[in-house]
PDB file of N, CA and C in Angstrom:
ATOM      1  N   MET A   1       6.414  -3.048  15.166  1.00  0.00           N
ATOM      2  CA  MET A   1       7.055  -2.829  13.894  1.00  0.00           C
ATOM      3  C   MET A   1       7.758  -1.468  13.965  1.00  0.00           C
ATOM      4  N   PRO A   2       8.996  -1.400  13.521  1.00  0.00           N
ATOM      5  CA  PRO A   2       9.709  -0.118  13.558  1.00  0.00           C
ATOM      6  C   PRO A   2       9.133   0.869  12.548  1.00  0.00           C
ATOM      7  N   ARG A   3       9.240   2.123  12.878  1.00  0.00           N
ATOM      8  CA  ARG A   3       8.777   3.176  11.978  1.00  0.00           C
ATOM      9  C   ARG A   3       9.960   3.663  11.163  1.00  0.00           C
ATOM     10  N   ILE A   4       9.775   3.739   9.856  1.00  0.00           N
ATOM     11  CA  ILE A   4      10.823   4.215   8.956  1.00  0.00           C
ATOM     12  C   ILE A   4      10.422   5.603   8.481  1.00  0.00           C
ATOM     13  N   GLU A   5      11.263   6.570   8.740  1.00  0.00           N
ATOM     14  CA  GLU A   5      10.980   7.936   8.307  1.00  0.00           C
ATOM     15  C   GLU A   5      11.253   8.063   6.809  1.00  0.00           C
ATOM     16  N   PRO A   6      10.310   8.610   6.042  1.00  0.00           N
ATOM     17  CA  PRO A   6      10.490   8.722   4.591  1.00  0.00           C
ATOM     18  C   PRO A   6      11.559   9.744   4.225  1.00  0.00           C
ATOM     19  N   GLN A   7      12.275   9.467   3.161  1.00  0.00           N
ATOM     20  CA  GLN A   7      13.288  10.385   2.643  1.00  0.00           C
ATOM     21  C   GLN A   7      12.661  11.439   1.732  1.00  0.00           C
ATOM     22  N   ASP A   8      11.561  11.072   1.072  1.00  0.00           N
ATOM     23  CA  ASP A   8      10.880  11.959   0.133  1.00  0.00           C
ATOM     24  C   ASP A   8       9.887  12.839   0.901  1.00  0.00           C
ATOM     25  N   ALA A   9      10.001  14.141   0.751  1.00  0.00           N
ATOM     26  CA  ALA A   9       9.152  15.078   1.501  1.00  0.00           C
ATOM     27  C   ALA A   9       7.672  14.903   1.167  1.00  0.00           C
ATOM     28  N   SER A  10       7.341  14.487  -0.049  1.00  0.00           N
ATOM     29  CA  SER A  10       5.929  14.329  -0.420  1.00  0.00           C
ATOM     30  C   SER A  10       5.272  13.170   0.331  1.00  0.00           C
ATOM     31  N   LEU A  11       6.055  12.243   0.828  1.00  0.00           N
ATOM     32  CA  LEU A  11       5.500  11.107   1.558  1.00  0.00           C
ATOM     33  C   LEU A  11       5.228  11.429   3.018  1.00  0.00           C
ATOM     34  N   LYS A  12       5.809  12.481   3.526  1.00  0.00           N
ATOM     35  CA  LYS A  12       5.653  12.807   4.939  1.00  0.00           C
ATOM     36  C   LYS A  12       4.234  13.224   5.296  1.00  0.00           C
ATOM     37  N   ASP A  13       3.447  13.680   4.322  1.00  0.00           N
ATOM     38  CA  ASP A  13       2.077  14.101   4.586  1.00  0.00           C
ATOM     39  C   ASP A  13       1.082  12.951   4.544  1.00  0.00           C
ATOM     40  N   LEU A  14       1.511  11.767   4.155  1.00  0.00           N
ATOM     41  CA  LEU A  14       0.609  10.618   4.073  1.00  0.00           C
ATOM     42  C   LEU A  14       0.341  10.071   5.470  1.00  0.00           C
ATOM     43  N   SER A  15      -0.892   9.649   5.684  1.00  0.00           N
ATOM     44  CA  SER A  15      -1.219   8.991   6.951  1.00  0.00           C
ATOM     45  C   SER A  15      -2.087   7.780   6.639  1.00  0.00           C
ATOM     46  N   GLY A  16      -2.136   6.857   7.558  1.00  0.00           N
ATOM     47  CA  GLY A  16      -2.926   5.651   7.349  1.00  0.00           C
ATOM     48  C   GLY A  16      -2.169   4.620   6.532  1.00  0.00           C
ATOM     49  N   LEU A  17      -2.906   3.646   6.047  1.00  0.00           N
ATOM     50  CA  LEU A  17      -2.324   2.539   5.291  1.00  0.00           C
ATOM     51  C   LEU A  17      -2.377   2.851   3.800  1.00  0.00           C
ATOM     52  N   HIS A  18      -1.229   2.804   3.150  1.00  0.00           N
ATOM     53  CA  HIS A  18      -1.121   3.042   1.715  1.00  0.00           C
ATOM     54  C   HIS A  18      -0.496   1.805   1.087  1.00  0.00           C
ATOM     55  N   LEU A  19      -1.070   1.381  -0.038  1.00  0.00           N
ATOM     56  CA  LEU A  19      -0.573   0.200  -0.730  1.00  0.00           C
ATOM     57  C   LEU A  19      -0.230   0.573  -2.164  1.00  0.00           C
ATOM     58  N   TRP A  20       1.043   0.474  -2.495  1.00  0.00           N
ATOM     59  CA  TRP A  20       1.502   0.664  -3.871  1.00  0.00           C
ATOM     60  C   TRP A  20       1.509  -0.727  -4.492  1.00  0.00           C
ATOM     61  N   HIS A  21       0.740  -0.920  -5.560  1.00  0.00           N
ATOM     62  CA  HIS A  21       0.593  -2.265  -6.101  1.00  0.00           C
ATOM     63  C   HIS A  21       0.269  -2.234  -7.585  1.00  0.00           C
ATOM     64  N   ALA A  22       0.503  -3.387  -8.204  1.00  0.00           N
ATOM     65  CA  ALA A  22       0.126  -3.612  -9.601  1.00  0.00           C
ATOM     66  C   ALA A  22      -1.163  -4.434  -9.590  1.00  0.00           C
ATOM     67  N   PRO A  23      -2.182  -3.994 -10.308  1.00  0.00           N
ATOM     68  CA  PRO A  23      -3.496  -4.652 -10.244  1.00  0.00           C
ATOM     69  C   PRO A  23      -3.479  -6.148 -10.573  1.00  0.00           C
ATOM     70  N   MET A  24      -2.658  -6.566 -11.509  1.00  0.00           N
ATOM     71  CA  MET A  24      -2.658  -7.971 -11.924  1.00  0.00           C
ATOM     72  C   MET A  24      -1.637  -8.829 -11.186  1.00  0.00           C
ATOM     73  N   SER A  25      -0.928  -8.259 -10.252  1.00  0.00           N
ATOM     74  CA  SER A  25       0.069  -9.013  -9.495  1.00  0.00           C
ATOM     75  C   SER A  25      -0.617  -9.945  -8.500  1.00  0.00           C
ATOM     76  N   SER A  26      -0.251 -11.224  -8.551  1.00  0.00           N
ATOM     77  CA  SER A  26      -0.862 -12.185  -7.626  1.00  0.00           C
ATOM     78  C   SER A  26      -0.464 -11.887  -6.177  1.00  0.00           C
ATOM     79  N   CYS A  27       0.723 -11.386  -5.971  1.00  0.00           N
ATOM     80  CA  CYS A  27       1.161 -11.046  -4.609  1.00  0.00           C
ATOM     81  C   CYS A  27       0.341  -9.887  -4.051  1.00  0.00           C
ATOM     82  N   SER A  28       0.145  -8.860  -4.846  1.00  0.00           N
ATOM     83  CA  SER A  28      -0.628  -7.725  -4.346  1.00  0.00           C
ATOM     84  C   SER A  28      -2.105  -8.086  -4.190  1.00  0.00           C
ATOM     85  N   LYS A  29      -2.601  -9.025  -4.993  1.00  0.00           N
ATOM     86  CA  LYS A  29      -3.980  -9.479  -4.809  1.00  0.00           C
ATOM     87  C   LYS A  29      -4.141 -10.135  -3.441  1.00  0.00           C
ATOM     88  N   ARG A  30      -3.162 -10.944  -3.052  1.00  0.00           N
ATOM     89  CA  ARG A  30      -3.225 -11.598  -1.745  1.00  0.00           C
ATOM     90  C   ARG A  30      -3.204 -10.580  -0.614  1.00  0.00           C
ATOM     91  N   VAL A  31      -2.382  -9.558  -0.759  1.00  0.00           N
ATOM     92  CA  VAL A  31      -2.318  -8.502   0.256  1.00  0.00           C
ATOM     93  C   VAL A  31      -3.656  -7.778   0.349  1.00  0.00           C
ATOM     94  N   ARG A  32      -4.250  -7.443  -0.788  1.00  0.00           N
ATOM     95  CA  ARG A  32      -5.545  -6.754  -0.781  1.00  0.00           C
ATOM     96  C   ARG A  32      -6.641  -7.625  -0.163  1.00  0.00           C
ATOM     97  N   ILE A  33      -6.591  -8.927  -0.397  1.00  0.00           N
ATOM     98  CA  ILE A  33      -7.568  -9.838   0.204  1.00  0.00           C
ATOM     99  C   ILE A  33      -7.438  -9.835   1.721  1.00  0.00           C
ATOM    100  N   VAL A  34      -6.220  -9.932   2.219  1.00  0.00           N
ATOM    101  CA  VAL A  34      -6.006  -9.932   3.675  1.00  0.00           C
ATOM    102  C   VAL A  34      -6.460  -8.617   4.288  1.00  0.00           C
ATOM    103  N   ILE A  35      -6.131  -7.508   3.656  1.00  0.00           N
ATOM    104  CA  ILE A  35      -6.554  -6.205   4.173  1.00  0.00           C
ATOM    105  C   ILE A  35      -8.080  -6.138   4.228  1.00  0.00           C
ATOM    106  N   ALA A  36      -8.745  -6.632   3.197  1.00  0.00           N
ATOM    107  CA  ALA A  36     -10.212  -6.630   3.175  1.00  0.00           C
ATOM    108  C   ALA A  36     -10.788  -7.551   4.253  1.00  0.00           C
ATOM    109  N   GLU A  37     -10.167  -8.710   4.451  1.00  0.00           N
ATOM    110  CA  GLU A  37     -10.670  -9.663   5.443  1.00  0.00           C
ATOM    111  C   GLU A  37     -10.581  -9.117   6.863  1.00  0.00           C
ATOM    112  N   ILE A  38      -9.529  -8.365   7.160  1.00  0.00           N
ATOM    113  CA  ILE A  38      -9.401  -7.822   8.513  1.00  0.00           C
ATOM    114  C   ILE A  38     -10.132  -6.490   8.665  1.00  0.00           C
ATOM    115  N   GLY A  39     -10.665  -5.981   7.570  1.00  0.00           N
ATOM    116  CA  GLY A  39     -11.512  -4.807   7.633  1.00  0.00           C
ATOM    117  C   GLY A  39     -10.807  -3.464   7.661  1.00  0.00           C
ATOM    118  N   HIS A  40      -9.558  -3.432   7.270  1.00  0.00           N
ATOM    119  CA  HIS A  40      -8.835  -2.156   7.227  1.00  0.00           C
ATOM    120  C   HIS A  40      -9.124  -1.427   5.918  1.00  0.00           C
ATOM    121  N   GLU A  41      -9.162  -0.117   6.005  1.00  0.00           N
ATOM    122  CA  GLU A  41      -9.242   0.695   4.801  1.00  0.00           C
ATOM    123  C   GLU A  41      -7.831   1.070   4.400  1.00  0.00           C
ATOM    124  N   PHE A  42      -7.619   1.240   3.103  1.00  0.00           N
ATOM    125  CA  PHE A  42      -6.295   1.634   2.632  1.00  0.00           C
ATOM    126  C   PHE A  42      -6.435   2.516   1.410  1.00  0.00           C
ATOM    127  N   GLU A  43      -5.409   3.283   1.171  1.00  0.00           N
ATOM    128  CA  GLU A  43      -5.356   4.114  -0.030  1.00  0.00           C
ATOM    129  C   GLU A  43      -4.538   3.354  -1.073  1.00  0.00           C
ATOM    130  N   SER A  44      -5.129   3.182  -2.250  1.00  0.00           N
ATOM    131  CA  SER A  44      -4.507   2.421  -3.319  1.00  0.00           C
ATOM    132  C   SER A  44      -3.686   3.338  -4.221  1.00  0.00           C
ATOM    133  N   HIS A  45      -2.468   2.903  -4.524  1.00  0.00           N
ATOM    134  CA  HIS A  45      -1.594   3.607  -5.463  1.00  0.00           C
ATOM    135  C   HIS A  45      -1.157   2.584  -6.504  1.00  0.00           C
ATOM    136  N   LEU A  46      -1.673   2.712  -7.714  1.00  0.00           N
ATOM    137  CA  LEU A  46      -1.355   1.749  -8.767  1.00  0.00           C
ATOM    138  C   LEU A  46      -0.003   2.058  -9.394  1.00  0.00           C
ATOM    139  N   ILE A  47       0.744   0.999  -9.669  1.00  0.00           N
ATOM    140  CA  ILE A  47       2.019   1.138 -10.359  1.00  0.00           C
ATOM    141  C   ILE A  47       1.983   0.265 -11.608  1.00  0.00           C
ATOM    142  N   ASN A  48       2.721   0.671 -12.618  1.00  0.00           N
ATOM    143  CA  ASN A  48       2.795  -0.069 -13.870  1.00  0.00           C
ATOM    144  C   ASN A  48       4.122  -0.825 -13.895  1.00  0.00           C
ATOM    145  N   LEU A  49       4.057  -2.146 -13.943  1.00  0.00           N
ATOM    146  CA  LEU A  49       5.268  -2.958 -13.936  1.00  0.00           C
ATOM    147  C   LEU A  49       5.800  -3.250 -15.328  1.00  0.00           C
ATOM    148  N   VAL A  50       5.106  -2.771 -16.334  1.00  0.00           N
ATOM    149  CA  VAL A  50       5.529  -3.048 -17.707  1.00  0.00           C
ATOM    150  C   VAL A  50       6.396  -1.932 -18.223  1.00  0.00           C
TER     151      VAL A  50
END
């Protein structure tokens, strides 16, 4: 997978897997399930879609 360099300087200090998601989104629920099934840890960043 290609690496994309962030444009925002605050993102450059992040490491590991980060997931920006909406708690009630069915798509993000599926992603969280897969991440849990494969045993990866991730940092959760909640977003408000309303």
